[in-house]
Amino acid sequence: MTTGLGEIGFLIQNAFLLISNCTGVPHIASATHTPSIIVSMDGEPHRWDPLDIQLHRTINWLAEADFEKVKITLYDLISKRNDLKRKKTVSPK
């Protein structure tokens, strides 16, 4: 069974966060405002740098192959996402 482009878009849009290599799916994450970590393995991380660095992060794996950096970036994005969620749910007095 193959997954179609629409199905991939639906899955990413409804995901909490995406961790991916530098393929097409980070562009879908950017379009759907799904936080993402892009692990650039092509030596050209600047090609994948998203405009919204608060929501999307690129890690240059060829320069720094470090799972700890991925973990720290993951925790940072989760923290920022939770902070944003809390701000949205606070009701005005």
PDB file of N, CA and C in Angstrom:
ATOM      1  N   MET A   1       0.835  -1.168   0.000  1.00  0.00           N
ATOM      2  CA  MET A   1       0.000   0.000   0.000  1.00  0.00           C
ATOM      3  C   MET A   1       0.889   1.242   0.000  1.00  0.00           C
ATOM      4  N   THR A   2       0.553   2.206  -0.811  1.00  0.00           N
ATOM      5  CA  THR A   2       1.307   3.455  -0.835  1.00  0.00           C
ATOM      6  C   THR A   2       0.479   4.572  -0.208  1.00  0.00           C
ATOM      7  N   THR A   3       1.182   5.541   0.288  1.00  0.00           N
ATOM      8  CA  THR A   3       0.532   6.696   0.893  1.00  0.00           C
ATOM      9  C   THR A   3       0.543   7.827  -0.120  1.00  0.00           C
ATOM     10  N   GLY A   4      -0.613   8.373  -0.412  1.00  0.00           N
ATOM     11  CA  GLY A   4      -0.727   9.453  -1.377  1.00  0.00           C
ATOM     12  C   GLY A   4      -0.322  10.797  -0.777  1.00  0.00           C
ATOM     13  N   LEU A   5      -0.110  11.776  -1.644  1.00  0.00           N
ATOM     14  CA  LEU A   5       0.308  13.104  -1.209  1.00  0.00           C
ATOM     15  C   LEU A   5      -0.722  13.740  -0.280  1.00  0.00           C
ATOM     16  N   GLY A   6      -1.999  13.587  -0.597  1.00  0.00           N
ATOM     17  CA  GLY A   6      -3.046  14.138   0.274  1.00  0.00           C
ATOM     18  C   GLY A   6      -3.037  13.506   1.645  1.00  0.00           C
ATOM     19  N   GLU A   7      -2.801  12.205   1.688  1.00  0.00           N
ATOM     20  CA  GLU A   7      -2.744  11.495   2.969  1.00  0.00           C
ATOM     21  C   GLU A   7      -1.526  11.942   3.783  1.00  0.00           C
ATOM     22  N   ILE A   8      -0.406  12.132   3.101  1.00  0.00           N
ATOM     23  CA  ILE A   8       0.801  12.608   3.791  1.00  0.00           C
ATOM     24  C   ILE A   8       0.551  14.006   4.360  1.00  0.00           C
ATOM     25  N   GLY A   9      -0.080  14.859   3.564  1.00  0.00           N
ATOM     26  CA  GLY A   9      -0.403  16.201   4.028  1.00  0.00           C
ATOM     27  C   GLY A   9      -1.302  16.172   5.250  1.00  0.00           C
ATOM     28  N   PHE A  10      -2.309  15.306   5.225  1.00  0.00           N
ATOM     29  CA  PHE A  10      -3.223  15.159   6.362  1.00  0.00           C
ATOM     30  C   PHE A  10      -2.470  14.696   7.606  1.00  0.00           C
ATOM     31  N   LEU A  11      -1.606  13.697   7.447  1.00  0.00           N
ATOM     32  CA  LEU A  11      -0.848  13.168   8.584  1.00  0.00           C
ATOM     33  C   LEU A  11       0.065  14.226   9.187  1.00  0.00           C
ATOM     34  N   ILE A  12       0.763  14.966   8.337  1.00  0.00           N
ATOM     35  CA  ILE A  12       1.686  15.993   8.840  1.00  0.00           C
ATOM     36  C   ILE A  12       0.913  17.134   9.483  1.00  0.00           C
ATOM     37  N   GLN A  13      -0.179  17.549   8.868  1.00  0.00           N
ATOM     38  CA  GLN A  13      -0.982  18.637   9.417  1.00  0.00           C
ATOM     39  C   GLN A  13      -1.503  18.294  10.813  1.00  0.00           C
ATOM     40  N   ASN A  14      -1.794  17.033  11.050  1.00  0.00           N
ATOM     41  CA  ASN A  14      -2.336  16.604  12.330  1.00  0.00           C
ATOM     42  C   ASN A  14      -1.282  16.058  13.292  1.00  0.00           C
ATOM     43  N   ALA A  15      -0.020  16.102  12.880  1.00  0.00           N
ATOM     44  CA  ALA A  15       1.065  15.631  13.739  1.00  0.00           C
ATOM     45  C   ALA A  15       1.419  16.694  14.775  1.00  0.00           C
ATOM     46  N   PHE A  16       1.927  16.256  15.895  1.00  0.00           N
ATOM     47  CA  PHE A  16       2.399  17.186  16.920  1.00  0.00           C
ATOM     48  C   PHE A  16       3.683  17.858  16.453  1.00  0.00           C
ATOM     49  N   LEU A  17       4.549  17.086  15.774  1.00  0.00           N
ATOM     50  CA  LEU A  17       5.852  17.569  15.339  1.00  0.00           C
ATOM     51  C   LEU A  17       6.412  16.594  14.312  1.00  0.00           C
ATOM     52  N   LEU A  18       7.224  17.090  13.377  1.00  0.00           N
ATOM     53  CA  LEU A  18       7.838  16.244  12.354  1.00  0.00           C
ATOM     54  C   LEU A  18       9.356  16.283  12.493  1.00  0.00           C
ATOM     55  N   ILE A  19       9.982  15.118  12.470  1.00  0.00           N
ATOM     56  CA  ILE A  19      11.436  15.020  12.355  1.00  0.00           C
ATOM     57  C   ILE A  19      11.687  14.295  11.050  1.00  0.00           C
ATOM     58  N   SER A  20      12.458  14.931  10.157  1.00  0.00           N
ATOM     59  CA  SER A  20      12.618  14.392   8.811  1.00  0.00           C
ATOM     60  C   SER A  20      13.994  14.733   8.256  1.00  0.00           C
ATOM     61  N   ASN A  21      14.376  13.985   7.243  1.00  0.00           N
ATOM     62  CA  ASN A  21      15.551  14.390   6.486  1.00  0.00           C
ATOM     63  C   ASN A  21      15.103  15.445   5.474  1.00  0.00           C
ATOM     64  N   CYS A  22      16.021  15.918   4.665  1.00  0.00           N
ATOM     65  CA  CYS A  22      15.717  17.019   3.747  1.00  0.00           C
ATOM     66  C   CYS A  22      15.082  16.485   2.457  1.00  0.00           C
ATOM     67  N   THR A  23      13.790  16.230   2.554  1.00  0.00           N
ATOM     68  CA  THR A  23      12.994  15.798   1.404  1.00  0.00           C
ATOM     69  C   THR A  23      11.810  16.747   1.276  1.00  0.00           C
ATOM     70  N   GLY A  24      10.773  16.344   0.622  1.00  0.00           N
ATOM     71  CA  GLY A  24       9.618  17.213   0.417  1.00  0.00           C
ATOM     72  C   GLY A  24       8.743  17.424   1.630  1.00  0.00           C
ATOM     73  N   VAL A  25       8.750  16.483   2.569  1.00  0.00           N
ATOM     74  CA  VAL A  25       7.823  16.593   3.696  1.00  0.00           C
ATOM     75  C   VAL A  25       8.068  17.812   4.588  1.00  0.00           C
ATOM     76  N   PRO A  26       9.306  18.312   4.746  1.00  0.00           N
ATOM     77  CA  PRO A  26       9.445  19.543   5.525  1.00  0.00           C
ATOM     78  C   PRO A  26       8.688  20.729   4.917  1.00  0.00           C
ATOM     79  N   HIS A  27       8.557  20.738   3.603  1.00  0.00           N
ATOM     80  CA  HIS A  27       7.795  21.813   2.956  1.00  0.00           C
ATOM     81  C   HIS A  27       6.317  21.707   3.326  1.00  0.00           C
ATOM     82  N   ILE A  28       5.820  20.489   3.444  1.00  0.00           N
ATOM     83  CA  ILE A  28       4.427  20.287   3.860  1.00  0.00           C
ATOM     84  C   ILE A  28       4.270  20.738   5.313  1.00  0.00           C
ATOM     85  N   ALA A  29       5.243  20.421   6.156  1.00  0.00           N
ATOM     86  CA  ALA A  29       5.199  20.860   7.551  1.00  0.00           C
ATOM     87  C   ALA A  29       5.180  22.386   7.632  1.00  0.00           C
ATOM     88  N   SER A  30       5.979  23.023   6.817  1.00  0.00           N
ATOM     89  CA  SER A  30       6.004  24.483   6.796  1.00  0.00           C
ATOM     90  C   SER A  30       4.654  25.042   6.355  1.00  0.00           C
ATOM     91  N   ALA A  31       4.081  24.456   5.323  1.00  0.00           N
ATOM     92  CA  ALA A  31       2.797  24.931   4.791  1.00  0.00           C
ATOM     93  C   ALA A  31       1.659  24.715   5.782  1.00  0.00           C
ATOM     94  N   THR A  32       1.747  23.663   6.579  1.00  0.00           N
ATOM     95  CA  THR A  32       0.667  23.345   7.523  1.00  0.00           C
ATOM     96  C   THR A  32       0.958  23.853   8.937  1.00  0.00           C
ATOM     97  N   HIS A  33       2.072  24.554   9.105  1.00  0.00           N
ATOM     98  CA  HIS A  33       2.472  25.117  10.404  1.00  0.00           C
ATOM     99  C   HIS A  33       2.676  24.036  11.454  1.00  0.00           C
ATOM    100  N   THR A  34       3.165  22.886  11.015  1.00  0.00           N
ATOM    101  CA  THR A  34       3.513  21.805  11.932  1.00  0.00           C
ATOM    102  C   THR A  34       4.985  21.959  12.297  1.00  0.00           C
ATOM    103  N   PRO A  35       5.321  22.094  13.570  1.00  0.00           N
ATOM    104  CA  PRO A  35       6.727  22.236  13.953  1.00  0.00           C
ATOM    105  C   PRO A  35       7.558  21.095  13.371  1.00  0.00           C
ATOM    106  N   SER A  36       8.805  21.423  12.986  1.00  0.00           N
ATOM    107  CA  SER A  36       9.631  20.379  12.375  1.00  0.00           C
ATOM    108  C   SER A  36      11.108  20.576  12.665  1.00  0.00           C
ATOM    109  N   ILE A  37      11.797  19.445  12.643  1.00  0.00           N
ATOM    110  CA  ILE A  37      13.255  19.406  12.692  1.00  0.00           C
ATOM    111  C   ILE A  37      13.683  18.744  11.397  1.00  0.00           C
ATOM    112  N   ILE A  38      14.469  19.459  10.614  1.00  0.00           N
ATOM    113  CA  ILE A  38      14.953  18.935   9.341  1.00  0.00           C
ATOM    114  C   ILE A  38      16.420  18.558   9.527  1.00  0.00           C
ATOM    115  N   VAL A  39      16.743  17.296   9.330  1.00  0.00           N
ATOM    116  CA  VAL A  39      18.115  16.825   9.425  1.00  0.00           C
ATOM    117  C   VAL A  39      18.687  16.851   8.013  1.00  0.00           C
ATOM    118  N   SER A  40      19.509  17.860   7.755  1.00  0.00           N
ATOM    119  CA  SER A  40      20.085  18.043   6.423  1.00  0.00           C
ATOM    120  C   SER A  40      21.302  17.145   6.267  1.00  0.00           C
ATOM    121  N   MET A  41      21.219  16.247   5.293  1.00  0.00           N
ATOM    122  CA  MET A  41      22.305  15.298   5.078  1.00  0.00           C
ATOM    123  C   MET A  41      22.944  15.483   3.705  1.00  0.00           C
ATOM    124  N   ASP A  42      22.624  16.606   3.055  1.00  0.00           N
ATOM    125  CA  ASP A  42      23.139  16.819   1.704  1.00  0.00           C
ATOM    126  C   ASP A  42      24.263  17.849   1.644  1.00  0.00           C
ATOM    127  N   GLY A  43      24.664  18.387   2.799  1.00  0.00           N
ATOM    128  CA  GLY A  43      25.737  19.373   2.817  1.00  0.00           C
ATOM    129  C   GLY A  43      25.285  20.768   2.438  1.00  0.00           C
ATOM    130  N   GLU A  44      23.983  20.950   2.233  1.00  0.00           N
ATOM    131  CA  GLU A  44      23.455  22.264   1.872  1.00  0.00           C
ATOM    132  C   GLU A  44      22.274  22.633   2.776  1.00  0.00           C
ATOM    133  N   PRO A  45      22.516  22.755   4.078  1.00  0.00           N
ATOM    134  CA  PRO A  45      21.402  23.033   4.984  1.00  0.00           C
ATOM    135  C   PRO A  45      20.711  24.358   4.687  1.00  0.00           C
ATOM    136  N   HIS A  46      21.425  25.307   4.103  1.00  0.00           N
ATOM    137  CA  HIS A  46      20.821  26.602   3.776  1.00  0.00           C
ATOM    138  C   HIS A  46      19.661  26.455   2.782  1.00  0.00           C
ATOM    139  N   ARG A  47      19.677  25.376   1.996  1.00  0.00           N
ATOM    140  CA  ARG A  47      18.572  25.140   1.056  1.00  0.00           C
ATOM    141  C   ARG A  47      17.300  24.760   1.786  1.00  0.00           C
ATOM    142  N   TRP A  48      17.428  24.294   3.015  1.00  0.00           N
ATOM    143  CA  TRP A  48      16.272  23.791   3.753  1.00  0.00           C
ATOM    144  C   TRP A  48      15.875  24.689   4.910  1.00  0.00           C
ATOM    145  N   ASP A  49      16.650  25.749   5.143  1.00  0.00           N
ATOM    146  CA  ASP A  49      16.317  26.635   6.248  1.00  0.00           C
ATOM    147  C   ASP A  49      14.935  27.244   6.045  1.00  0.00           C
ATOM    148  N   PRO A  50      14.025  26.974   6.952  1.00  0.00           N
ATOM    149  CA  PRO A  50      12.679  27.538   6.845  1.00  0.00           C
ATOM    150  C   PRO A  50      12.677  29.013   7.229  1.00  0.00           C
ATOM    151  N   LEU A  51      11.651  29.710   6.804  1.00  0.00           N
ATOM    152  CA  LEU A  51      11.533  31.124   7.135  1.00  0.00           C
ATOM    153  C   LEU A  51      11.197  31.323   8.607  1.00  0.00           C
ATOM    154  N   ASP A  52      10.380  30.461   9.158  1.00  0.00           N
ATOM    155  CA  ASP A  52       9.953  30.574  10.551  1.00  0.00           C
ATOM    156  C   ASP A  52      10.842  29.697  11.430  1.00  0.00           C
ATOM    157  N   ILE A  53      11.922  30.264  11.944  1.00  0.00           N
ATOM    158  CA  ILE A  53      12.865  29.460  12.726  1.00  0.00           C
ATOM    159  C   ILE A  53      12.353  29.173  14.137  1.00  0.00           C
ATOM    160  N   GLN A  54      11.252  29.805  14.538  1.00  0.00           N
ATOM    161  CA  GLN A  54      10.648  29.467  15.820  1.00  0.00           C
ATOM    162  C   GLN A  54       9.908  28.138  15.730  1.00  0.00           C
ATOM    163  N   LEU A  55       9.414  27.825  14.525  1.00  0.00           N
ATOM    164  CA  LEU A  55       8.595  26.638  14.314  1.00  0.00           C
ATOM    165  C   LEU A  55       9.360  25.494  13.646  1.00  0.00           C
ATOM    166  N   HIS A  56      10.392  25.832  12.883  1.00  0.00           N
ATOM    167  CA  HIS A  56      11.145  24.837  12.112  1.00  0.00           C
ATOM    168  C   HIS A  56      12.642  25.040  12.328  1.00  0.00           C
ATOM    169  N   ARG A  57      13.350  23.945  12.503  1.00  0.00           N
ATOM    170  CA  ARG A  57      14.798  24.012  12.728  1.00  0.00           C
ATOM    171  C   ARG A  57      15.505  23.067  11.764  1.00  0.00           C
ATOM    172  N   THR A  58      16.672  23.491  11.301  1.00  0.00           N
ATOM    173  CA  THR A  58      17.490  22.654  10.425  1.00  0.00           C
ATOM    174  C   THR A  58      18.784  22.303  11.143  1.00  0.00           C
ATOM    175  N   ILE A  59      19.155  21.036  11.096  1.00  0.00           N
ATOM    176  CA  ILE A  59      20.407  20.564  11.683  1.00  0.00           C
ATOM    177  C   ILE A  59      21.276  20.042  10.552  1.00  0.00           C
ATOM    178  N   ASN A  60      22.490  20.566  10.449  1.00  0.00           N
ATOM    179  CA  ASN A  60      23.441  20.135   9.423  1.00  0.00           C
ATOM    180  C   ASN A  60      24.166  18.888   9.932  1.00  0.00           C
ATOM    181  N   TRP A  61      23.687  17.728   9.512  1.00  0.00           N
ATOM    182  CA  TRP A  61      24.214  16.454  10.010  1.00  0.00           C
ATOM    183  C   TRP A  61      25.642  16.203   9.542  1.00  0.00           C
ATOM    184  N   LEU A  62      26.024  16.727   8.386  1.00  0.00           N
ATOM    185  CA  LEU A  62      27.392  16.520   7.903  1.00  0.00           C
ATOM    186  C   LEU A  62      28.402  17.300   8.742  1.00  0.00           C
ATOM    187  N   ALA A  63      27.992  18.427   9.284  1.00  0.00           N
ATOM    188  CA  ALA A  63      28.882  19.229  10.122  1.00  0.00           C
ATOM    189  C   ALA A  63      28.857  18.780  11.579  1.00  0.00           C
ATOM    190  N   GLU A  64      27.707  18.276  12.013  1.00  0.00           N
ATOM    191  CA  GLU A  64      27.553  17.915  13.413  1.00  0.00           C
ATOM    192  C   GLU A  64      26.553  16.764  13.554  1.00  0.00           C
ATOM    193  N   ALA A  65      27.043  15.542  13.425  1.00  0.00           N
ATOM    194  CA  ALA A  65      26.196  14.355  13.565  1.00  0.00           C
ATOM    195  C   ALA A  65      26.048  14.051  15.046  1.00  0.00           C
ATOM    196  N   ASP A  66      25.047  14.679  15.669  1.00  0.00           N
ATOM    197  CA  ASP A  66      24.908  14.621  17.116  1.00  0.00           C
ATOM    198  C   ASP A  66      23.441  14.420  17.499  1.00  0.00           C
ATOM    199  N   PHE A  67      23.116  13.225  17.975  1.00  0.00           N
ATOM    200  CA  PHE A  67      21.748  12.941  18.390  1.00  0.00           C
ATOM    201  C   PHE A  67      21.320  13.806  19.579  1.00  0.00           C
ATOM    202  N   GLU A  68      22.281  14.195  20.396  1.00  0.00           N
ATOM    203  CA  GLU A  68      21.965  15.061  21.541  1.00  0.00           C
ATOM    204  C   GLU A  68      21.428  16.411  21.050  1.00  0.00           C
ATOM    205  N   LYS A  69      21.987  16.928  19.967  1.00  0.00           N
ATOM    206  CA  LYS A  69      21.497  18.198  19.409  1.00  0.00           C
ATOM    207  C   LYS A  69      20.063  18.041  18.900  1.00  0.00           C
ATOM    208  N   VAL A  70      19.767  16.919  18.289  1.00  0.00           N
ATOM    209  CA  VAL A  70      18.396  16.657  17.834  1.00  0.00           C
ATOM    210  C   VAL A  70      17.468  16.608  19.041  1.00  0.00           C
ATOM    211  N   LYS A  71      17.882  15.941  20.098  1.00  0.00           N
ATOM    212  CA  LYS A  71      17.060  15.827  21.308  1.00  0.00           C
ATOM    213  C   LYS A  71      16.825  17.196  21.939  1.00  0.00           C
ATOM    214  N   ILE A  72      17.858  18.011  22.048  1.00  0.00           N
ATOM    215  CA  ILE A  72      17.723  19.347  22.634  1.00  0.00           C
ATOM    216  C   ILE A  72      16.795  20.208  21.782  1.00  0.00           C
ATOM    217  N   THR A  73      16.949  20.129  20.483  1.00  0.00           N
ATOM    218  CA  THR A  73      16.083  20.885  19.566  1.00  0.00           C
ATOM    219  C   THR A  73      14.642  20.412  19.701  1.00  0.00           C
ATOM    220  N   LEU A  74      14.449  19.114  19.815  1.00  0.00           N
ATOM    221  CA  LEU A  74      13.114  18.545  20.002  1.00  0.00           C
ATOM    222  C   LEU A  74      12.473  19.089  21.277  1.00  0.00           C
ATOM    223  N   TYR A  75      13.198  19.053  22.384  1.00  0.00           N
ATOM    224  CA  TYR A  75      12.657  19.548  23.651  1.00  0.00           C
ATOM    225  C   TYR A  75      12.340  21.043  23.571  1.00  0.00           C
ATOM    226  N   ASP A  76      13.183  21.795  22.881  1.00  0.00           N
ATOM    227  CA  ASP A  76      12.944  23.231  22.734  1.00  0.00           C
ATOM    228  C   ASP A  76      11.655  23.497  21.938  1.00  0.00           C
ATOM    229  N   LEU A  77      11.478  22.783  20.839  1.00  0.00           N
ATOM    230  CA  LEU A  77      10.262  22.965  20.043  1.00  0.00           C
ATOM    231  C   LEU A  77       9.011  22.542  20.816  1.00  0.00           C
ATOM    232  N   ILE A  78       9.102  21.452  21.572  1.00  0.00           N
ATOM    233  CA  ILE A  78       7.965  21.009  22.378  1.00  0.00           C
ATOM    234  C   ILE A  78       7.624  22.070  23.426  1.00  0.00           C
ATOM    235  N   SER A  79       8.637  22.614  24.056  1.00  0.00           N
ATOM    236  CA  SER A  79       8.423  23.647  25.064  1.00  0.00           C
ATOM    237  C   SER A  79       7.764  24.884  24.451  1.00  0.00           C
ATOM    238  N   LYS A  80       8.260  25.332  23.303  1.00  0.00           N
ATOM    239  CA  LYS A  80       7.678  26.500  22.635  1.00  0.00           C
ATOM    240  C   LYS A  80       6.241  26.228  22.204  1.00  0.00           C
ATOM    241  N   ARG A  81       5.989  25.024  21.723  1.00  0.00           N
ATOM    242  CA  ARG A  81       4.635  24.681  21.295  1.00  0.00           C
ATOM    243  C   ARG A  81       3.681  24.651  22.493  1.00  0.00           C
ATOM    244  N   ASN A  82       4.134  24.108  23.606  1.00  0.00           N
ATOM    245  CA  ASN A  82       3.298  24.072  24.804  1.00  0.00           C
ATOM    246  C   ASN A  82       3.040  25.479  25.340  1.00  0.00           C
ATOM    247  N   ASP A  83       4.062  26.346  25.288  1.00  0.00           N
ATOM    248  CA  ASP A  83       3.883  27.737  25.721  1.00  0.00           C
ATOM    249  C   ASP A  83       2.845  28.438  24.862  1.00  0.00           C
ATOM    250  N   LEU A  84       2.912  28.228  23.553  1.00  0.00           N
ATOM    251  CA  LEU A  84       1.960  28.845  22.630  1.00  0.00           C
ATOM    252  C   LEU A  84       0.543  28.338  22.896  1.00  0.00           C
ATOM    253  N   LYS A  85       0.434  27.051  23.161  1.00  0.00           N
ATOM    254  CA  LYS A  85      -0.868  26.446  23.451  1.00  0.00           C
ATOM    255  C   LYS A  85      -1.473  27.060  24.722  1.00  0.00           C
ATOM    256  N   ARG A  86      -0.622  27.244  25.741  1.00  0.00           N
ATOM    257  CA  ARG A  86      -1.100  27.838  26.996  1.00  0.00           C
ATOM    258  C   ARG A  86      -1.573  29.274  26.777  1.00  0.00           C
ATOM    259  N   LYS A  87      -0.879  30.028  25.963  1.00  0.00           N
ATOM    260  CA  LYS A  87      -1.259  31.415  25.696  1.00  0.00           C
ATOM    261  C   LYS A  87      -2.603  31.480  24.979  1.00  0.00           C
ATOM    262  N   LYS A  88      -2.865  30.520  24.109  1.00  0.00           N
ATOM    263  CA  LYS A  88      -4.117  30.508  23.368  1.00  0.00           C
ATOM    264  C   LYS A  88      -5.311  30.126  24.244  1.00  0.00           C
ATOM    265  N   THR A  89      -5.055  29.354  25.291  1.00  0.00           N
ATOM    266  CA  THR A  89      -6.162  28.875  26.118  1.00  0.00           C
ATOM    267  C   THR A  89      -6.440  29.779  27.310  1.00  0.00           C
ATOM    268  N   VAL A  90      -5.603  30.771  27.555  1.00  0.00           N
ATOM    269  CA  VAL A  90      -5.838  31.701  28.654  1.00  0.00           C
ATOM    270  C   VAL A  90      -6.969  32.638  28.260  1.00  0.00           C
ATOM    271  N   SER A  91      -7.999  32.684  29.084  1.00  0.00           N
ATOM    272  CA  SER A  91      -9.142  33.534  28.770  1.00  0.00           C
ATOM    273  C   SER A  91      -8.932  34.938  29.338  1.00  0.00           C
ATOM    274  N   PRO A  92      -9.361  35.964  28.613  1.00  0.00           N
ATOM    275  CA  PRO A  92      -9.201  37.331  29.113  1.00  0.00           C
ATOM    276  C   PRO A  92     -10.125  37.576  30.315  1.00  0.00           C
ATOM    277  N   LYS A  93      -9.701  38.432  31.217  1.00  0.00           N
ATOM    278  CA  LYS A  93     -10.488  38.734  32.423  1.00  0.00           C
ATOM    279  C   LYS A  93     -11.365  39.939  32.199  1.00  0.00           C
TER     280      LYS A  93
END
